[in-house]
Amino acid sequence: MLPTRDNAPSRYIAGIVRLEQPEPLDDALLLVTLQDVTYVDAPSPIVAQSVHGVSGWNVEIPFRLELRKPVRPRGAYSLKAEIRRSDPAALHPGDYLSTAAHPWAPGDAKAIVVVQKI
C-alpha cells in the first residue's frame, strides 16, 4: 500500500511498522528514523528519530515522529525501523530490521515500514 498525500505540512509523521507475522515482543524497543537521502554520495543525516517501548503480540505497531527541523520540499527522505528484543544498544539475531527503502515525502499522511527478522 502506498502512502497517502496530504497538502498541509505537518510537524509529525505518523505510521505503522509492519511485521511479517504476529510475534510476541515483550519489553522490546522500536526505533524509527527519518534520514535525508538527497545526496547519494554523502552521509545521510538523521532528520528525526523516535524510540517506543513495545510489548505483547504485534503485527502492526504504530509510531509517531516529531520533525524538529524543517524538511526541504524537494529533498529525498527515507524511513528506517528496528525492533531490538534483547539488547537496547545493538541489533542481534532474532531482532527486526527494515531491509528495503521506505521513501517518505513532505505531505505523506501515513507511512508504512516493513521489517524482517534477522
PDB file of N, CA and C in Angstrom:
ATOM      1  N   MET A   1       0.842  -1.174   0.000  1.00  0.00           N
ATOM      2  CA  MET A   1       0.000   0.000   0.000  1.00  0.00           C
ATOM      3  C   MET A   1       0.888   1.239   0.000  1.00  0.00           C
ATOM      4  N   LEU A   2       0.624   2.166  -0.882  1.00  0.00           N
ATOM      5  CA  LEU A   2       1.408   3.393  -0.969  1.00  0.00           C
ATOM      6  C   LEU A   2       0.904   4.420   0.030  1.00  0.00           C
ATOM      7  N   PRO A   3       1.804   5.284   0.526  1.00  0.00           N
ATOM      8  CA  PRO A   3       1.367   6.324   1.450  1.00  0.00           C
ATOM      9  C   PRO A   3       0.398   7.285   0.765  1.00  0.00           C
ATOM     10  N   THR A   4      -0.534   7.814   1.543  1.00  0.00           N
ATOM     11  CA  THR A   4      -1.443   8.830   1.017  1.00  0.00           C
ATOM     12  C   THR A   4      -0.781  10.187   1.169  1.00  0.00           C
ATOM     13  N   ARG A   5      -1.217  11.167   0.387  1.00  0.00           N
ATOM     14  CA  ARG A   5      -0.622  12.503   0.428  1.00  0.00           C
ATOM     15  C   ARG A   5      -1.616  13.487   1.032  1.00  0.00           C
ATOM     16  N   ASP A   6      -1.095  14.427   1.761  1.00  0.00           N
ATOM     17  CA  ASP A   6      -1.878  15.494   2.371  1.00  0.00           C
ATOM     18  C   ASP A   6      -1.135  16.791   2.072  1.00  0.00           C
ATOM     19  N   ASN A   7      -1.823  17.808   1.601  1.00  0.00           N
ATOM     20  CA  ASN A   7      -1.160  19.056   1.206  1.00  0.00           C
ATOM     21  C   ASN A   7      -0.703  19.906   2.385  1.00  0.00           C
ATOM     22  N   ALA A   8      -1.267  19.699   3.565  1.00  0.00           N
ATOM     23  CA  ALA A   8      -0.895  20.512   4.720  1.00  0.00           C
ATOM     24  C   ALA A   8       0.404  19.987   5.330  1.00  0.00           C
ATOM     25  N   PRO A   9       1.406  20.866   5.535  1.00  0.00           N
ATOM     26  CA  PRO A   9       2.633  20.409   6.186  1.00  0.00           C
ATOM     27  C   PRO A   9       2.357  20.036   7.635  1.00  0.00           C
ATOM     28  N   SER A  10       3.098  19.068   8.122  1.00  0.00           N
ATOM     29  CA  SER A  10       2.896  18.607   9.486  1.00  0.00           C
ATOM     30  C   SER A  10       4.237  18.569  10.203  1.00  0.00           C
ATOM     31  N   ARG A  11       4.182  18.725  11.499  1.00  0.00           N
ATOM     32  CA  ARG A  11       5.387  18.597  12.314  1.00  0.00           C
ATOM     33  C   ARG A  11       5.599  17.156  12.735  1.00  0.00           C
ATOM     34  N   TYR A  12       4.703  16.260  12.334  1.00  0.00           N
ATOM     35  CA  TYR A  12       4.778  14.861  12.738  1.00  0.00           C
ATOM     36  C   TYR A  12       4.625  13.941  11.538  1.00  0.00           C
ATOM     37  N   ILE A  13       5.225  12.784  11.629  1.00  0.00           N
ATOM     38  CA  ILE A  13       4.990  11.703  10.688  1.00  0.00           C
ATOM     39  C   ILE A  13       4.353  10.586  11.494  1.00  0.00           C
ATOM     40  N   ALA A  14       3.194  10.142  11.069  1.00  0.00           N
ATOM     41  CA  ALA A  14       2.518   9.021  11.717  1.00  0.00           C
ATOM     42  C   ALA A  14       2.568   7.830  10.782  1.00  0.00           C
ATOM     43  N   GLY A  15       2.640   6.645  11.346  1.00  0.00           N
ATOM     44  CA  GLY A  15       2.668   5.459  10.504  1.00  0.00           C
ATOM     45  C   GLY A  15       2.660   4.200  11.328  1.00  0.00           C
ATOM     46  N   ILE A  16       2.924   3.097  10.629  1.00  0.00           N
ATOM     47  CA  ILE A  16       2.995   1.796  11.298  1.00  0.00           C
ATOM     48  C   ILE A  16       4.247   1.067  10.845  1.00  0.00           C
ATOM     49  N   VAL A  17       4.764   0.250  11.735  1.00  0.00           N
ATOM     50  CA  VAL A  17       5.816  -0.705  11.407  1.00  0.00           C
ATOM     51  C   VAL A  17       5.128  -2.054  11.335  1.00  0.00           C
ATOM     52  N   ARG A  18       5.297  -2.731  10.213  1.00  0.00           N
ATOM     53  CA  ARG A  18       4.584  -3.997   9.967  1.00  0.00           C
ATOM     54  C   ARG A  18       5.560  -5.170  10.002  1.00  0.00           C
ATOM     55  N   LEU A  19       5.208  -6.190  10.821  1.00  0.00           N
ATOM     56  CA  LEU A  19       5.969  -7.428  10.888  1.00  0.00           C
ATOM     57  C   LEU A  19       5.394  -8.410   9.875  1.00  0.00           C
ATOM     58  N   GLU A  20       6.172  -9.437   9.529  1.00  0.00           N
ATOM     59  CA  GLU A  20       5.718 -10.447   8.575  1.00  0.00           C
ATOM     60  C   GLU A  20       4.560 -11.267   9.129  1.00  0.00           C
ATOM     61  N   GLN A  21       4.563 -11.504  10.435  1.00  0.00           N
ATOM     62  CA  GLN A  21       3.500 -12.270  11.099  1.00  0.00           C
ATOM     63  C   GLN A  21       3.438 -11.836  12.558  1.00  0.00           C
ATOM     64  N   PRO A  22       2.317 -12.121  13.243  1.00  0.00           N
ATOM     65  CA  PRO A  22       2.224 -11.729  14.665  1.00  0.00           C
ATOM     66  C   PRO A  22       3.354 -12.366  15.470  1.00  0.00           C
ATOM     67  N   GLU A  23       3.898 -11.577  16.373  1.00  0.00           N
ATOM     68  CA  GLU A  23       5.055 -12.011  17.149  1.00  0.00           C
ATOM     69  C   GLU A  23       4.981 -11.398  18.546  1.00  0.00           C
ATOM     70  N   PRO A  24       5.324 -12.172  19.597  1.00  0.00           N
ATOM     71  CA  PRO A  24       5.388 -11.562  20.933  1.00  0.00           C
ATOM     72  C   PRO A  24       6.661 -10.724  21.056  1.00  0.00           C
ATOM     73  N   LEU A  25       6.496  -9.495  21.491  1.00  0.00           N
ATOM     74  CA  LEU A  25       7.628  -8.564  21.584  1.00  0.00           C
ATOM     75  C   LEU A  25       7.715  -7.977  22.980  1.00  0.00           C
ATOM     76  N   ASP A  26       7.814  -8.815  23.970  1.00  0.00           N
ATOM     77  CA  ASP A  26       7.843  -8.336  25.348  1.00  0.00           C
ATOM     78  C   ASP A  26       9.102  -7.538  25.639  1.00  0.00           C
ATOM     79  N   ASP A  27       8.909  -6.323  26.157  1.00  0.00           N
ATOM     80  CA  ASP A  27       9.986  -5.427  26.560  1.00  0.00           C
ATOM     81  C   ASP A  27      10.965  -5.117  25.426  1.00  0.00           C
ATOM     82  N   ALA A  28      10.454  -4.999  24.212  1.00  0.00           N
ATOM     83  CA  ALA A  28      11.291  -4.655  23.059  1.00  0.00           C
ATOM     84  C   ALA A  28      11.297  -3.141  22.852  1.00  0.00           C
ATOM     85  N   LEU A  29      12.264  -2.663  22.073  1.00  0.00           N
ATOM     86  CA  LEU A  29      12.347  -1.248  21.703  1.00  0.00           C
ATOM     87  C   LEU A  29      12.161  -1.117  20.199  1.00  0.00           C
ATOM     88  N   LEU A  30      11.299  -0.180  19.806  1.00  0.00           N
ATOM     89  CA  LEU A  30      11.108   0.153  18.402  1.00  0.00           C
ATOM     90  C   LEU A  30      11.816   1.479  18.143  1.00  0.00           C
ATOM     91  N   LEU A  31      12.750   1.485  17.204  1.00  0.00           N
ATOM     92  CA  LEU A  31      13.443   2.707  16.796  1.00  0.00           C
ATOM     93  C   LEU A  31      13.022   3.017  15.366  1.00  0.00           C
ATOM     94  N   VAL A  32      12.518   4.220  15.142  1.00  0.00           N
ATOM     95  CA  VAL A  32      12.134   4.668  13.808  1.00  0.00           C
ATOM     96  C   VAL A  32      12.934   5.927  13.508  1.00  0.00           C
ATOM     97  N   THR A  33      13.547   5.958  12.327  1.00  0.00           N
ATOM     98  CA  THR A  33      14.431   7.054  11.939  1.00  0.00           C
ATOM     99  C   THR A  33      14.040   7.577  10.570  1.00  0.00           C
ATOM    100  N   LEU A  34      14.048   8.896  10.419  1.00  0.00           N
ATOM    101  CA  LEU A  34      13.889   9.537   9.120  1.00  0.00           C
ATOM    102  C   LEU A  34      15.248  10.107   8.744  1.00  0.00           C
ATOM    103  N   GLN A  35      15.768   9.698   7.569  1.00  0.00           N
ATOM    104  CA  GLN A  35      17.067  10.155   7.108  1.00  0.00           C
ATOM    105  C   GLN A  35      16.919  10.972   5.835  1.00  0.00           C
ATOM    106  N   ASP A  36      17.775  11.966   5.690  1.00  0.00           N
ATOM    107  CA  ASP A  36      17.839  12.761   4.471  1.00  0.00           C
ATOM    108  C   ASP A  36      18.773  12.033   3.508  1.00  0.00           C
ATOM    109  N   VAL A  37      18.209  11.477   2.424  1.00  0.00           N
ATOM    110  CA  VAL A  37      18.993  10.709   1.450  1.00  0.00           C
ATOM    111  C   VAL A  37      19.083  11.456   0.118  1.00  0.00           C
ATOM    112  N   THR A  38      18.996  12.783   0.183  1.00  0.00           N
ATOM    113  CA  THR A  38      19.005  13.597  -1.022  1.00  0.00           C
ATOM    114  C   THR A  38      20.284  13.403  -1.828  1.00  0.00           C
ATOM    115  N   TYR A  39      21.417  13.361  -1.160  1.00  0.00           N
ATOM    116  CA  TYR A  39      22.700  13.254  -1.845  1.00  0.00           C
ATOM    117  C   TYR A  39      23.241  11.834  -1.711  1.00  0.00           C
ATOM    118  N   VAL A  40      23.285  11.119  -2.821  1.00  0.00           N
ATOM    119  CA  VAL A  40      23.675   9.720  -2.831  1.00  0.00           C
ATOM    120  C   VAL A  40      25.118   9.521  -2.379  1.00  0.00           C
ATOM    121  N   ASP A  41      25.992  10.439  -2.714  1.00  0.00           N
ATOM    122  CA  ASP A  41      27.410  10.278  -2.413  1.00  0.00           C
ATOM    123  C   ASP A  41      27.834  10.951  -1.103  1.00  0.00           C
ATOM    124  N   ALA A  42      26.881  11.201  -0.222  1.00  0.00           N
ATOM    125  CA  ALA A  42      27.186  11.854   1.055  1.00  0.00           C
ATOM    126  C   ALA A  42      26.496  11.096   2.194  1.00  0.00           C
ATOM    127  N   PRO A  43      26.962  11.288   3.423  1.00  0.00           N
ATOM    128  CA  PRO A  43      26.275  10.665   4.558  1.00  0.00           C
ATOM    129  C   PRO A  43      24.811  11.105   4.616  1.00  0.00           C
ATOM    130  N   SER A  44      23.960  10.240   5.156  1.00  0.00           N
ATOM    131  CA  SER A  44      22.526  10.522   5.276  1.00  0.00           C
ATOM    132  C   SER A  44      22.219  10.996   6.690  1.00  0.00           C
ATOM    133  N   PRO A  45      22.132  12.311   6.905  1.00  0.00           N
ATOM    134  CA  PRO A  45      21.870  12.798   8.264  1.00  0.00           C
ATOM    135  C   PRO A  45      20.486  12.395   8.756  1.00  0.00           C
ATOM    136  N   ILE A  46      20.392  12.197  10.059  1.00  0.00           N
ATOM    137  CA  ILE A  46      19.112  11.873  10.696  1.00  0.00           C
ATOM    138  C   ILE A  46      18.334  13.167  10.880  1.00  0.00           C
ATOM    139  N   VAL A  47      17.109  13.178  10.382  1.00  0.00           N
ATOM    140  CA  VAL A  47      16.223  14.335  10.497  1.00  0.00           C
ATOM    141  C   VAL A  47      15.336  14.201  11.729  1.00  0.00           C
ATOM    142  N   ALA A  48      14.886  12.978  12.007  1.00  0.00           N
ATOM    143  CA  ALA A  48      14.015  12.723  13.167  1.00  0.00           C
ATOM    144  C   ALA A  48      14.196  11.273  13.597  1.00  0.00           C
ATOM    145  N   GLN A  49      14.015  11.036  14.901  1.00  0.00           N
ATOM    146  CA  GLN A  49      14.119   9.681  15.424  1.00  0.00           C
ATOM    147  C   GLN A  49      13.208   9.551  16.632  1.00  0.00           C
ATOM    148  N   SER A  50      12.608   8.388  16.765  1.00  0.00           N
ATOM    149  CA  SER A  50      11.795   8.131  17.954  1.00  0.00           C
ATOM    150  C   SER A  50      12.069   6.729  18.465  1.00  0.00           C
ATOM    151  N   VAL A  51      11.875   6.558  19.755  1.00  0.00           N
ATOM    152  CA  VAL A  51      12.048   5.263  20.407  1.00  0.00           C
ATOM    153  C   VAL A  51      10.771   4.981  21.174  1.00  0.00           C
ATOM    154  N   HIS A  52      10.197   3.800  20.962  1.00  0.00           N
ATOM    155  CA  HIS A  52       8.953   3.403  21.623  1.00  0.00           C
ATOM    156  C   HIS A  52       9.159   2.043  22.278  1.00  0.00           C
ATOM    157  N   GLY A  53       8.639   1.864  23.465  1.00  0.00           N
ATOM    158  CA  GLY A  53       8.607   0.547  24.084  1.00  0.00           C
ATOM    159  C   GLY A  53       7.484  -0.268  23.480  1.00  0.00           C
ATOM    160  N   VAL A  54       7.720  -1.572  23.296  1.00  0.00           N
ATOM    161  CA  VAL A  54       6.736  -2.460  22.685  1.00  0.00           C
ATOM    162  C   VAL A  54       6.604  -3.705  23.539  1.00  0.00           C
ATOM    163  N   SER A  55       5.368  -4.142  23.770  1.00  0.00           N
ATOM    164  CA  SER A  55       5.102  -5.392  24.471  1.00  0.00           C
ATOM    165  C   SER A  55       3.862  -6.041  23.887  1.00  0.00           C
ATOM    166  N   GLY A  56       3.732  -7.336  24.138  1.00  0.00           N
ATOM    167  CA  GLY A  56       2.556  -8.072  23.683  1.00  0.00           C
ATOM    168  C   GLY A  56       2.722  -8.592  22.258  1.00  0.00           C
ATOM    169  N   TRP A  57       1.668  -9.242  21.763  1.00  0.00           N
ATOM    170  CA  TRP A  57       1.654  -9.776  20.399  1.00  0.00           C
ATOM    171  C   TRP A  57       1.389  -8.631  19.440  1.00  0.00           C
ATOM    172  N   ASN A  58       2.208  -8.534  18.410  1.00  0.00           N
ATOM    173  CA  ASN A  58       2.090  -7.436  17.456  1.00  0.00           C
ATOM    174  C   ASN A  58       2.282  -7.921  16.036  1.00  0.00           C
ATOM    175  N   VAL A  59       1.597  -7.255  15.110  1.00  0.00           N
ATOM    176  CA  VAL A  59       1.858  -7.416  13.686  1.00  0.00           C
ATOM    177  C   VAL A  59       1.995  -6.035  13.051  1.00  0.00           C
ATOM    178  N   GLU A  60       1.317  -5.045  13.600  1.00  0.00           N
ATOM    179  CA  GLU A  60       1.448  -3.655  13.176  1.00  0.00           C
ATOM    180  C   GLU A  60       1.611  -2.788  14.422  1.00  0.00           C
ATOM    181  N   ILE A  61       2.676  -2.007  14.439  1.00  0.00           N
ATOM    182  CA  ILE A  61       2.989  -1.177  15.595  1.00  0.00           C
ATOM    183  C   ILE A  61       2.941   0.286  15.155  1.00  0.00           C
ATOM    184  N   PRO A  62       2.063   1.085  15.751  1.00  0.00           N
ATOM    185  CA  PRO A  62       2.001   2.498  15.366  1.00  0.00           C
ATOM    186  C   PRO A  62       3.212   3.274  15.888  1.00  0.00           C
ATOM    187  N   PHE A  63       3.609   4.296  15.131  1.00  0.00           N
ATOM    188  CA  PHE A  63       4.683   5.176  15.579  1.00  0.00           C
ATOM    189  C   PHE A  63       4.340   6.606  15.183  1.00  0.00           C
ATOM    190  N   ARG A  64       5.064   7.528  15.814  1.00  0.00           N
ATOM    191  CA  ARG A  64       4.916   8.949  15.518  1.00  0.00           C
ATOM    192  C   ARG A  64       6.281   9.607  15.685  1.00  0.00           C
ATOM    193  N   LEU A  65       6.717  10.282  14.631  1.00  0.00           N
ATOM    194  CA  LEU A  65       7.992  11.003  14.642  1.00  0.00           C
ATOM    195  C   LEU A  65       7.720  12.495  14.661  1.00  0.00           C
ATOM    196  N   GLU A  66       8.406  13.202  15.528  1.00  0.00           N
ATOM    197  CA  GLU A  66       8.294  14.658  15.528  1.00  0.00           C
ATOM    198  C   GLU A  66       9.419  15.236  14.674  1.00  0.00           C
ATOM    199  N   LEU A  67       9.044  16.079  13.711  1.00  0.00           N
ATOM    200  CA  LEU A  67      10.026  16.751  12.870  1.00  0.00           C
ATOM    201  C   LEU A  67      10.478  18.015  13.603  1.00  0.00           C
ATOM    202  N   ARG A  68      11.671  17.989  14.144  1.00  0.00           N
ATOM    203  CA  ARG A  68      12.173  19.118  14.931  1.00  0.00           C
ATOM    204  C   ARG A  68      12.856  20.161  14.076  1.00  0.00           C
ATOM    205  N   LYS A  69      13.188  19.810  12.838  1.00  0.00           N
ATOM    206  CA  LYS A  69      13.737  20.790  11.917  1.00  0.00           C
ATOM    207  C   LYS A  69      12.965  20.704  10.604  1.00  0.00           C
ATOM    208  N   PRO A  70      12.953  21.771   9.844  1.00  0.00           N
ATOM    209  CA  PRO A  70      12.191  21.755   8.593  1.00  0.00           C
ATOM    210  C   PRO A  70      12.779  20.774   7.583  1.00  0.00           C
ATOM    211  N   VAL A  71      11.899  20.216   6.765  1.00  0.00           N
ATOM    212  CA  VAL A  71      12.345  19.357   5.671  1.00  0.00           C
ATOM    213  C   VAL A  71      12.195  20.128   4.368  1.00  0.00           C
ATOM    214  N   ARG A  72      13.080  19.841   3.442  1.00  0.00           N
ATOM    215  CA  ARG A  72      13.034  20.515   2.144  1.00  0.00           C
ATOM    216  C   ARG A  72      11.955  19.875   1.277  1.00  0.00           C
ATOM    217  N   PRO A  73      11.085  20.668   0.662  1.00  0.00           N
ATOM    218  CA  PRO A  73      10.013  20.108  -0.164  1.00  0.00           C
ATOM    219  C   PRO A  73      10.530  19.226  -1.295  1.00  0.00           C
ATOM    220  N   ARG A  74      11.709  19.520  -1.821  1.00  0.00           N
ATOM    221  CA  ARG A  74      12.256  18.726  -2.929  1.00  0.00           C
ATOM    222  C   ARG A  74      13.351  17.756  -2.467  1.00  0.00           C
ATOM    223  N   GLY A  75      13.521  17.615  -1.161  1.00  0.00           N
ATOM    224  CA  GLY A  75      14.514  16.686  -0.644  1.00  0.00           C
ATOM    225  C   GLY A  75      14.037  15.249  -0.763  1.00  0.00           C
ATOM    226  N   ALA A  76      14.966  14.310  -0.630  1.00  0.00           N
ATOM    227  CA  ALA A  76      14.637  12.882  -0.636  1.00  0.00           C
ATOM    228  C   ALA A  76      14.851  12.341   0.775  1.00  0.00           C
ATOM    229  N   TYR A  77      13.858  11.624   1.273  1.00  0.00           N
ATOM    230  CA  TYR A  77      13.900  11.125   2.644  1.00  0.00           C
ATOM    231  C   TYR A  77      13.528   9.646   2.669  1.00  0.00           C
ATOM    232  N   SER A  78      14.047   8.942   3.668  1.00  0.00           N
ATOM    233  CA  SER A  78      13.764   7.521   3.801  1.00  0.00           C
ATOM    234  C   SER A  78      13.555   7.185   5.281  1.00  0.00           C
ATOM    235  N   LEU A  79      12.575   6.319   5.537  1.00  0.00           N
ATOM    236  CA  LEU A  79      12.301   5.840   6.888  1.00  0.00           C
ATOM    237  C   LEU A  79      12.984   4.494   7.101  1.00  0.00           C
ATOM    238  N   LYS A  80      13.448   4.298   8.306  1.00  0.00           N
ATOM    239  CA  LYS A  80      14.117   3.054   8.691  1.00  0.00           C
ATOM    240  C   LYS A  80      13.567   2.646  10.054  1.00  0.00           C
ATOM    241  N   ALA A  81      13.401   1.344  10.279  1.00  0.00           N
ATOM    242  CA  ALA A  81      12.905   0.872  11.577  1.00  0.00           C
ATOM    243  C   ALA A  81      13.712  -0.332  12.047  1.00  0.00           C
ATOM    244  N   GLU A  82      13.860  -0.419  13.366  1.00  0.00           N
ATOM    245  CA  GLU A  82      14.498  -1.552  14.025  1.00  0.00           C
ATOM    246  C   GLU A  82      13.654  -1.922  15.234  1.00  0.00           C
ATOM    247  N   ILE A  83      13.551  -3.204  15.500  1.00  0.00           N
ATOM    248  CA  ILE A  83      12.950  -3.669  16.753  1.00  0.00           C
ATOM    249  C   ILE A  83      14.014  -4.492  17.456  1.00  0.00           C
ATOM    250  N   ARG A  84      14.454  -3.988  18.597  1.00  0.00           N
ATOM    251  CA  ARG A  84      15.503  -4.648  19.376  1.00  0.00           C
ATOM    252  C   ARG A  84      14.843  -5.382  20.531  1.00  0.00           C
ATOM    253  N   ARG A  85      14.960  -6.700  20.525  1.00  0.00           N
ATOM    254  CA  ARG A  85      14.263  -7.531  21.516  1.00  0.00           C
ATOM    255  C   ARG A  85      15.106  -7.816  22.758  1.00  0.00           C
ATOM    256  N   SER A  86      16.417  -7.970  22.608  1.00  0.00           N
ATOM    257  CA  SER A  86      17.210  -8.415  23.752  1.00  0.00           C
ATOM    258  C   SER A  86      18.216  -7.385  24.253  1.00  0.00           C
ATOM    259  N   ASP A  87      18.680  -6.504  23.386  1.00  0.00           N
ATOM    260  CA  ASP A  87      19.716  -5.543  23.769  1.00  0.00           C
ATOM    261  C   ASP A  87      19.336  -4.176  23.202  1.00  0.00           C
ATOM    262  N   PRO A  88      19.029  -3.196  24.051  1.00  0.00           N
ATOM    263  CA  PRO A  88      18.622  -1.890  23.533  1.00  0.00           C
ATOM    264  C   PRO A  88      19.738  -1.137  22.807  1.00  0.00           C
ATOM    265  N   ALA A  89      20.981  -1.574  22.939  1.00  0.00           N
ATOM    266  CA  ALA A  89      22.101  -0.853  22.349  1.00  0.00           C
ATOM    267  C   ALA A  89      22.501  -1.356  20.963  1.00  0.00           C
ATOM    268  N   ALA A  90      22.068  -2.562  20.577  1.00  0.00           N
ATOM    269  CA  ALA A  90      22.518  -3.120  19.295  1.00  0.00           C
ATOM    270  C   ALA A  90      21.546  -4.172  18.784  1.00  0.00           C
ATOM    271  N   LEU A  91      21.617  -4.430  17.476  1.00  0.00           N
ATOM    272  CA  LEU A  91      20.814  -5.481  16.861  1.00  0.00           C
ATOM    273  C   LEU A  91      21.488  -6.838  17.040  1.00  0.00           C
ATOM    274  N   HIS A  92      20.661  -7.876  17.219  1.00  0.00           N
ATOM    275  CA  HIS A  92      21.150  -9.250  17.371  1.00  0.00           C
ATOM    276  C   HIS A  92      20.222 -10.179  16.601  1.00  0.00           C
ATOM    277  N   PRO A  93      20.656 -11.429  16.318  1.00  0.00           N
ATOM    278  CA  PRO A  93      19.746 -12.377  15.671  1.00  0.00           C
ATOM    279  C   PRO A  93      18.437 -12.487  16.461  1.00  0.00           C
ATOM    280  N   GLY A  94      17.322 -12.487  15.726  1.00  0.00           N
ATOM    281  CA  GLY A  94      16.003 -12.512  16.350  1.00  0.00           C
ATOM    282  C   GLY A  94      15.358 -11.140  16.429  1.00  0.00           C
ATOM    283  N   ASP A  95      16.148 -10.072  16.220  1.00  0.00           N
ATOM    284  CA  ASP A  95      15.607  -8.722  16.163  1.00  0.00           C
ATOM    285  C   ASP A  95      15.031  -8.482  14.770  1.00  0.00           C
ATOM    286  N   TYR A  96      14.446  -7.307  14.568  1.00  0.00           N
ATOM    287  CA  TYR A  96      13.826  -6.956  13.291  1.00  0.00           C
ATOM    288  C   TYR A  96      14.474  -5.701  12.732  1.00  0.00           C
ATOM    289  N   LEU A  97      14.518  -5.642  11.383  1.00  0.00           N
ATOM    290  CA  LEU A  97      15.157  -4.531  10.701  1.00  0.00           C
ATOM    291  C   LEU A  97      14.448  -4.293   9.372  1.00  0.00           C
ATOM    292  N   SER A  98      14.278  -3.025   8.999  1.00  0.00           N
ATOM    293  CA  SER A  98      13.777  -2.733   7.652  1.00  0.00           C
ATOM    294  C   SER A  98      14.940  -2.921   6.691  1.00  0.00           C
ATOM    295  N   THR A  99      14.719  -3.717   5.655  1.00  0.00           N
ATOM    296  CA  THR A  99      15.804  -4.048   4.728  1.00  0.00           C
ATOM    297  C   THR A  99      15.591  -3.459   3.338  1.00  0.00           C
ATOM    298  N   ALA A 100      14.487  -2.785   3.119  1.00  0.00           N
ATOM    299  CA  ALA A 100      14.196  -2.142   1.837  1.00  0.00           C
ATOM    300  C   ALA A 100      14.043  -0.645   2.074  1.00  0.00           C
ATOM    301  N   ALA A 101      14.152   0.125   1.004  1.00  0.00           N
ATOM    302  CA  ALA A 101      13.954   1.570   1.115  1.00  0.00           C
ATOM    303  C   ALA A 101      12.481   1.864   1.351  1.00  0.00           C
ATOM    304  N   HIS A 102      12.205   2.782   2.260  1.00  0.00           N
ATOM    305  CA  HIS A 102      10.843   3.236   2.566  1.00  0.00           C
ATOM    306  C   HIS A 102      10.816   4.751   2.396  1.00  0.00           C
ATOM    307  N   PRO A 103      10.677   5.206   1.132  1.00  0.00           N
ATOM    308  CA  PRO A 103      10.703   6.645   0.876  1.00  0.00           C
ATOM    309  C   PRO A 103       9.570   7.377   1.586  1.00  0.00           C
ATOM    310  N   TRP A 104       9.864   8.604   1.982  1.00  0.00           N
ATOM    311  CA  TRP A 104       8.872   9.495   2.585  1.00  0.00           C
ATOM    312  C   TRP A 104       9.051  10.860   1.949  1.00  0.00           C
ATOM    313  N   ALA A 105       7.939  11.530   1.665  1.00  0.00           N
ATOM    314  CA  ALA A 105       7.978  12.878   1.103  1.00  0.00           C
ATOM    315  C   ALA A 105       7.136  13.805   1.955  1.00  0.00           C
ATOM    316  N   PRO A 106       7.526  15.070   2.093  1.00  0.00           N
ATOM    317  CA  PRO A 106       6.707  16.018   2.842  1.00  0.00           C
ATOM    318  C   PRO A 106       5.279  16.008   2.296  1.00  0.00           C
ATOM    319  N   GLY A 107       4.327  15.864   3.187  1.00  0.00           N
ATOM    320  CA  GLY A 107       2.925  15.785   2.804  1.00  0.00           C
ATOM    321  C   GLY A 107       2.371  14.375   2.852  1.00  0.00           C
ATOM    322  N   ASP A 108       3.244  13.343   2.943  1.00  0.00           N
ATOM    323  CA  ASP A 108       2.725  11.986   3.096  1.00  0.00           C
ATOM    324  C   ASP A 108       1.997  11.900   4.433  1.00  0.00           C
ATOM    325  N   ALA A 109       0.749  11.460   4.388  1.00  0.00           N
ATOM    326  CA  ALA A 109      -0.075  11.452   5.595  1.00  0.00           C
ATOM    327  C   ALA A 109       0.199  10.238   6.485  1.00  0.00           C
ATOM    328  N   LYS A 110       0.524   9.099   5.902  1.00  0.00           N
ATOM    329  CA  LYS A 110       0.762   7.907   6.708  1.00  0.00           C
ATOM    330  C   LYS A 110       1.874   7.094   6.080  1.00  0.00           C
ATOM    331  N   ALA A 111       2.779   6.609   6.903  1.00  0.00           N
ATOM    332  CA  ALA A 111       3.921   5.841   6.417  1.00  0.00           C
ATOM    333  C   ALA A 111       3.810   4.396   6.893  1.00  0.00           C
ATOM    334  N   ILE A 112       4.255   3.480   6.055  1.00  0.00           N
ATOM    335  CA  ILE A 112       4.295   2.064   6.401  1.00  0.00           C
ATOM    336  C   ILE A 112       5.724   1.588   6.196  1.00  0.00           C
ATOM    337  N   VAL A 113       6.299   1.006   7.247  1.00  0.00           N
ATOM    338  CA  VAL A 113       7.663   0.479   7.188  1.00  0.00           C
ATOM    339  C   VAL A 113       7.592  -1.010   7.526  1.00  0.00           C
ATOM    340  N   VAL A 114       8.065  -1.846   6.606  1.00  0.00           N
ATOM    341  CA  VAL A 114       8.029  -3.287   6.796  1.00  0.00           C
ATOM    342  C   VAL A 114       9.386  -3.731   7.342  1.00  0.00           C
ATOM    343  N   VAL A 115       9.361  -4.587   8.375  1.00  0.00           N
ATOM    344  CA  VAL A 115      10.597  -5.103   8.964  1.00  0.00           C
ATOM    345  C   VAL A 115      10.637  -6.620   8.818  1.00  0.00           C
ATOM    346  N   GLN A 116      11.851  -7.153   8.798  1.00  0.00           N
ATOM    347  CA  GLN A 116      12.066  -8.595   8.713  1.00  0.00           C
ATOM    348  C   GLN A 116      12.946  -9.038   9.850  1.00  0.00           C
ATOM    349  N   LYS A 117      12.716 -10.269  10.299  1.00  0.00           N
ATOM    350  CA  LYS A 117      13.542 -10.841  11.378  1.00  0.00           C
ATOM    351  C   LYS A 117      14.937 -11.136  10.845  1.00  0.00           C
ATOM    352  N   ILE A 118      15.946 -10.772  11.648  1.00  0.00           N
ATOM    353  CA  ILE A 118      17.322 -11.055  11.232  1.00  0.00           C
ATOM    354  C   ILE A 118      17.892 -12.188  12.058  1.00  0.00           C
TER     355      ILE A 118
END
